[in-house]
Protein backbone atom coordinates (compact mmCIF):
# COMPACT_ATOMS: atom_id res chain seq x y z
CA UNK A 1 26.10 -13.48 31.91
CA UNK A 2 28.81 -15.93 30.89
CA UNK A 3 28.97 -16.97 27.24
CA UNK A 4 26.80 -19.97 26.56
CA UNK A 5 28.18 -23.29 25.47
CA UNK A 6 26.99 -24.69 22.15
CA UNK A 7 24.56 -26.91 24.02
CA UNK A 8 23.34 -24.02 26.16
CA UNK A 9 22.82 -21.83 23.09
CA UNK A 10 20.84 -24.60 21.41
CA UNK A 11 18.59 -24.90 24.48
CA UNK A 12 18.04 -21.14 24.61
CA UNK A 13 17.19 -21.05 20.89
CA UNK A 14 14.74 -23.88 21.44
CA UNK A 15 13.03 -21.94 24.20
CA UNK A 16 12.77 -18.79 22.08
CA UNK A 17 11.36 -20.72 19.12
CA UNK A 18 8.72 -22.37 21.30
CA UNK A 19 7.90 -19.06 22.96
CA UNK A 20 6.97 -17.49 19.62
CA UNK A 21 4.07 -19.90 19.25
CA UNK A 22 3.00 -19.71 22.89
CA UNK A 23 2.90 -15.90 22.99
CA UNK A 24 1.14 -15.73 19.62
CA UNK A 25 -1.47 -18.22 20.79
CA UNK A 26 -2.06 -17.07 24.38
CA UNK A 27 -1.04 -13.43 24.37
CA UNK A 28 1.24 -11.82 26.91
CA UNK A 29 -1.02 -11.90 29.95
CA UNK A 30 -2.08 -15.48 29.32
CA UNK A 31 1.45 -16.89 29.10
CA UNK A 32 3.37 -18.32 32.08
CA UNK A 33 6.96 -19.44 32.34
CA UNK A 34 5.75 -23.02 32.83
CA UNK A 35 3.91 -22.81 29.50
CA UNK A 36 7.17 -21.91 27.79
CA UNK A 37 9.00 -24.82 29.40
CA UNK A 38 6.26 -27.25 28.41
CA UNK A 39 6.24 -26.05 24.83
CA UNK A 40 10.03 -26.39 24.59
CA UNK A 41 10.04 -29.79 26.27
CA UNK A 42 12.38 -28.80 29.10
CA UNK A 43 12.11 -28.73 32.88
CA UNK A 44 10.44 -25.66 34.34
CA UNK A 45 13.62 -24.67 36.13
CA UNK A 46 15.55 -24.71 32.87
CA UNK A 47 13.75 -21.63 31.63
CA UNK A 48 15.15 -19.61 34.55
CA UNK A 49 18.66 -20.66 33.62
CA UNK A 50 18.40 -18.41 30.56
CA UNK A 51 15.66 -15.88 31.39
CA UNK A 52 14.59 -14.20 34.62
CA UNK A 53 11.03 -13.30 33.53
CA UNK A 54 8.63 -13.91 30.70
CA UNK A 55 9.25 -10.28 29.66
CA UNK A 56 12.86 -11.25 28.96
CA UNK A 57 11.68 -14.19 26.86
CA UNK A 58 9.35 -11.98 24.84
CA UNK A 59 12.12 -9.44 24.25
CA UNK A 60 14.29 -12.25 22.85
CA UNK A 61 11.43 -13.29 20.58
CA UNK A 62 10.94 -9.72 19.37
CA UNK A 63 14.63 -9.37 18.51
CA UNK A 64 14.11 -11.87 15.71
CA UNK A 65 10.84 -10.20 14.70
CA UNK A 66 12.57 -6.83 14.51
CA UNK A 67 15.32 -8.21 12.28
CA UNK A 68 12.76 -9.73 9.92
CA UNK A 69 10.74 -6.52 9.68
CA UNK A 70 13.85 -4.40 9.13
CA UNK A 71 14.64 -6.65 6.16
CA UNK A 72 11.06 -6.24 4.89
CA UNK A 73 11.47 -2.44 4.98
CA UNK A 74 14.44 -2.48 2.61
CA UNK A 75 13.68 -0.50 -0.55
CA UNK A 76 13.56 -3.02 -3.40
CA UNK A 77 15.83 -2.53 -6.40
CA UNK A 78 13.12 -2.00 -9.00
CA UNK A 79 13.69 0.48 -11.82
CA UNK A 80 10.21 1.88 -12.22
CA UNK A 81 9.52 4.17 -9.22
CA UNK A 82 5.82 3.34 -8.99
CA UNK A 83 6.50 -0.39 -9.23
CA UNK A 84 9.14 0.13 -6.52
CA UNK A 85 6.54 1.66 -4.18
CA UNK A 86 4.16 -1.21 -4.85
CA UNK A 87 6.89 -3.79 -4.19
CA UNK A 88 7.85 -2.03 -0.94
CA UNK A 89 4.24 -1.99 0.26
CA UNK A 90 3.82 -5.65 -0.60
CA UNK A 91 7.03 -6.59 1.23
CA UNK A 92 5.96 -4.68 4.34
CA UNK A 93 2.51 -6.28 4.36
CA UNK A 94 4.03 -9.75 3.90
CA UNK A 95 6.41 -9.14 6.81
CA UNK A 96 3.62 -7.80 9.01
CA UNK A 97 1.42 -10.78 8.16
CA UNK A 98 4.13 -13.19 9.31
CA UNK A 99 4.49 -11.47 12.68
CA UNK A 100 1.07 -9.86 13.15
CA UNK A 101 0.15 -11.78 16.30
CA UNK A 102 3.49 -11.14 18.01
CA UNK A 103 3.26 -7.44 17.18
CA UNK A 104 -0.14 -7.40 18.87
CA UNK A 105 1.45 -9.11 21.89
CA UNK A 106 4.17 -6.44 21.91
CA UNK A 107 1.47 -3.75 21.95
CA UNK A 108 -0.15 -5.52 24.89
CA UNK A 109 3.12 -5.74 26.80
CA UNK A 110 4.05 -2.13 26.00
CA UNK A 111 1.22 -0.94 28.25
CA UNK A 112 3.22 -2.00 31.30
CA UNK A 113 6.84 -2.09 30.13
CA UNK A 114 8.60 0.71 28.27
CA UNK A 115 11.07 -1.76 26.73
CA UNK A 116 8.36 -3.06 24.43
CA UNK A 117 7.30 0.45 23.49
CA UNK A 118 10.94 1.04 22.50
CA UNK A 119 10.87 -2.03 20.25
CA UNK A 120 7.80 -0.74 18.44
CA UNK A 121 9.23 2.77 18.26
CA UNK A 122 12.43 1.42 16.71
CA UNK A 123 10.42 -0.30 13.99
CA UNK A 124 8.50 2.89 13.34
CA UNK A 125 11.63 5.06 13.17
CA UNK A 126 13.36 2.67 10.79
CA UNK A 127 10.35 2.58 8.48
CA UNK A 128 9.96 6.37 8.40
CA UNK A 129 13.68 7.01 7.88
CA UNK A 130 13.91 4.67 4.91
CA UNK A 131 10.79 6.06 3.27
CA UNK A 132 11.99 9.65 3.80
CA UNK A 133 15.22 8.79 2.01
CA UNK A 134 13.24 7.32 -0.88
CA UNK A 135 11.06 10.46 -1.09
CA UNK A 136 14.13 12.70 -1.26
CA UNK A 137 15.41 10.60 -4.15
CA UNK A 138 12.07 10.93 -5.95
CA UNK A 139 12.16 14.70 -5.46
CA UNK A 140 15.72 14.93 -6.80
CA UNK A 141 14.53 13.03 -9.89
CA UNK A 142 11.59 15.43 -10.30
CA UNK A 143 9.21 12.56 -9.62
CA UNK A 144 7.58 13.86 -6.41
CA UNK A 145 6.19 17.23 -5.39
CA UNK A 146 9.12 19.43 -4.34
CA UNK A 147 7.14 21.30 -1.67
CA UNK A 148 6.60 18.21 0.49
CA UNK A 149 8.71 17.76 3.61
CA UNK A 150 10.18 14.25 3.13
CA UNK A 151 10.16 13.28 6.80
CA UNK A 152 6.62 14.46 7.47
CA UNK A 153 5.31 12.87 4.28
CA UNK A 154 7.08 9.62 5.17
CA UNK A 155 5.62 9.63 8.68
CA UNK A 156 2.10 10.13 7.29
CA UNK A 157 2.39 7.46 4.59
CA UNK A 158 4.03 4.93 6.91
CA UNK A 159 1.31 5.55 9.47
CA UNK A 160 -1.29 4.79 6.82
CA UNK A 161 0.31 1.46 5.87
CA UNK A 162 1.09 0.46 9.47
CA UNK A 163 -2.42 1.23 10.66
CA UNK A 164 -3.99 -0.54 7.71
CA UNK A 165 -1.82 -3.62 8.32
CA UNK A 166 -2.66 -3.64 12.04
CA UNK A 167 -6.41 -3.62 11.42
CA UNK A 168 -6.30 -6.01 8.46
CA UNK A 169 -3.63 -8.54 9.42
CA UNK A 170 -3.60 -8.08 13.19
CA UNK A 171 -7.27 -7.62 14.05
CA UNK A 172 -9.00 -9.52 11.29
CA UNK A 173 -10.47 -6.74 9.18
CA UNK A 174 -11.50 -8.18 5.80
CA UNK A 175 -9.73 -6.96 2.65
CA UNK A 176 -8.75 -8.32 -0.74
CA UNK A 177 -4.96 -8.60 -0.87
CA UNK A 178 -4.50 -7.51 -4.48
CA UNK A 179 -6.91 -4.60 -4.14
CA UNK A 180 -5.39 -3.53 -0.82
CA UNK A 181 -1.84 -3.42 -2.19
CA UNK A 182 -2.92 -1.57 -5.32
CA UNK A 183 -4.97 0.96 -3.36
CA UNK A 184 -2.16 1.71 -0.90
CA UNK A 185 0.19 2.27 -3.82
CA UNK A 186 -2.30 4.61 -5.52
CA UNK A 187 -2.58 6.65 -2.33
CA UNK A 188 1.21 6.91 -2.07
CA UNK A 189 1.58 7.97 -5.70
CA UNK A 190 -1.18 10.57 -5.51
CA UNK A 191 -0.10 11.80 -2.08
CA UNK A 192 3.44 12.41 -3.34
CA UNK A 193 2.21 14.16 -6.48
CA UNK A 194 3.75 11.54 -8.75
CA UNK A 195 2.59 10.89 -12.32
CA UNK A 196 0.20 8.06 -12.91
CA UNK A 197 2.80 6.19 -14.94
CA UNK A 198 6.41 6.52 -16.09
CA UNK A 199 7.11 6.44 -19.83
CA UNK A 200 9.97 3.99 -20.57
CA UNK A 201 11.80 6.60 -22.64
CA UNK A 202 12.39 8.69 -19.53
CA UNK A 203 13.89 5.91 -17.43
CA UNK A 204 17.61 5.46 -17.09
CA UNK A 205 19.47 2.42 -15.79
CA UNK A 206 19.26 2.31 -12.02
CA UNK A 207 15.86 3.94 -11.85
CA UNK A 208 16.91 7.55 -12.47
CA UNK A 209 14.65 9.72 -14.55
CA UNK A 210 15.79 11.95 -17.39
CA UNK A 211 14.73 15.48 -16.63
CA UNK A 212 11.45 16.78 -15.24
CA UNK A 213 8.76 14.23 -15.64
CA UNK A 214 5.90 15.43 -17.78
CA UNK A 215 3.44 12.96 -19.16
CA UNK A 216 2.37 13.50 -22.77
CA UNK A 217 -1.19 14.71 -23.03
CA UNK A 218 -3.75 12.08 -23.64
CA UNK A 219 -5.14 12.13 -27.18
CA UNK A 220 -8.49 13.81 -27.18
CA UNK A 221 -11.30 12.22 -29.05
CA UNK A 222 -13.67 14.54 -30.92
CA UNK A 223 -17.01 14.83 -29.29
CA UNK A 224 -19.53 12.69 -31.10
CA UNK A 225 -21.90 14.69 -33.25
CA UNK A 226 -25.50 13.76 -33.18
CA UNK A 227 -27.35 13.75 -36.47
CA UNK A 228 -29.85 16.53 -36.80
CA UNK A 229 -33.34 15.30 -36.05
CA UNK A 230 -35.43 14.60 -39.12
CA UNK A 231 -38.13 17.18 -39.69
CA UNK A 232 -41.42 15.55 -40.28
CA UNK A 233 -44.00 17.45 -42.31
CA UNK A 234 -47.60 16.64 -42.72
CA UNK A 235 -48.47 15.42 -46.20
CA UNK A 236 -50.07 18.11 -48.34
CA UNK A 237 -53.23 17.07 -50.16
CA UNK A 238 -52.94 17.61 -53.93
CA UNK A 239 -55.00 20.62 -55.17
CA UNK A 240 -57.08 20.36 -58.36
CA UNK A 241 -55.56 22.29 -61.22
CA UNK A 242 -56.97 25.75 -61.76
CA UNK A 243 -58.88 25.91 -65.11
CA UNK A 244 -57.34 28.22 -67.63
CA UNK A 245 -59.24 31.40 -68.39
CA UNK A 246 -61.11 31.29 -71.78
CA UNK A 247 -59.31 33.00 -74.58
CA UNK A 248 -61.25 35.98 -76.05
CA UNK A 249 -62.88 35.39 -79.48
CA UNK A 250 -61.83 37.99 -82.09
CA UNK A 251 -64.70 40.24 -83.36
CA UNK A 252 -65.46 40.30 -87.07
CA UNK A 253 -66.40 43.65 -88.69
CA UNK A 254 -69.73 43.68 -90.59
CA UNK A 255 -69.46 45.34 -94.04
């Protein structure tokens, strides 16, 4: 294809922008090329100047979606490792929410066209690779269980977040956003064998951790002692005093 003129590029961009809304609203099977032309405000024949099929239009739409989601998968520069996991989960969920309908359309189209399956697979591979790198860093800082395989652990954790996002944001499952993000982070932390929190004294600039991470033991509180039950005794009736025995009278001798 010859390079587009500035005007031609503007028309193509207009078509792709309109197609995002049409595909999200009607799905893949319910969208026709004429619908795309109508939404963009151009003649029906104009669409074929830039795209041969609606599959080609959807692939152009998903290119932008893929770029946005790749940006959402970037590990945030947060010092605390647990806060970093939470920020990463929140960023991924926010990115998925923005493109949830189009990702569902891509799943629909992938049933009949391997190119869409490749788009979804690329997103999955990128997510897993970045998380695996982050897990290796946590292990090198003695912040994650050393016996975990980073790639396998990343694949499992990413699958959890991706599946949760698909059901919640793509299919309408009801969840509280704050609780969902916190719960996903708790599952990551516990699944990786990380401590529940990171004492500030062990953090170095840049997020590194000084030495093996061992949390100080929690102060133990003495078990409460229950007062001994009061012993109740039945009142004793006073006894009358015992009369003293009579003293013997001395005998007088008779002369």
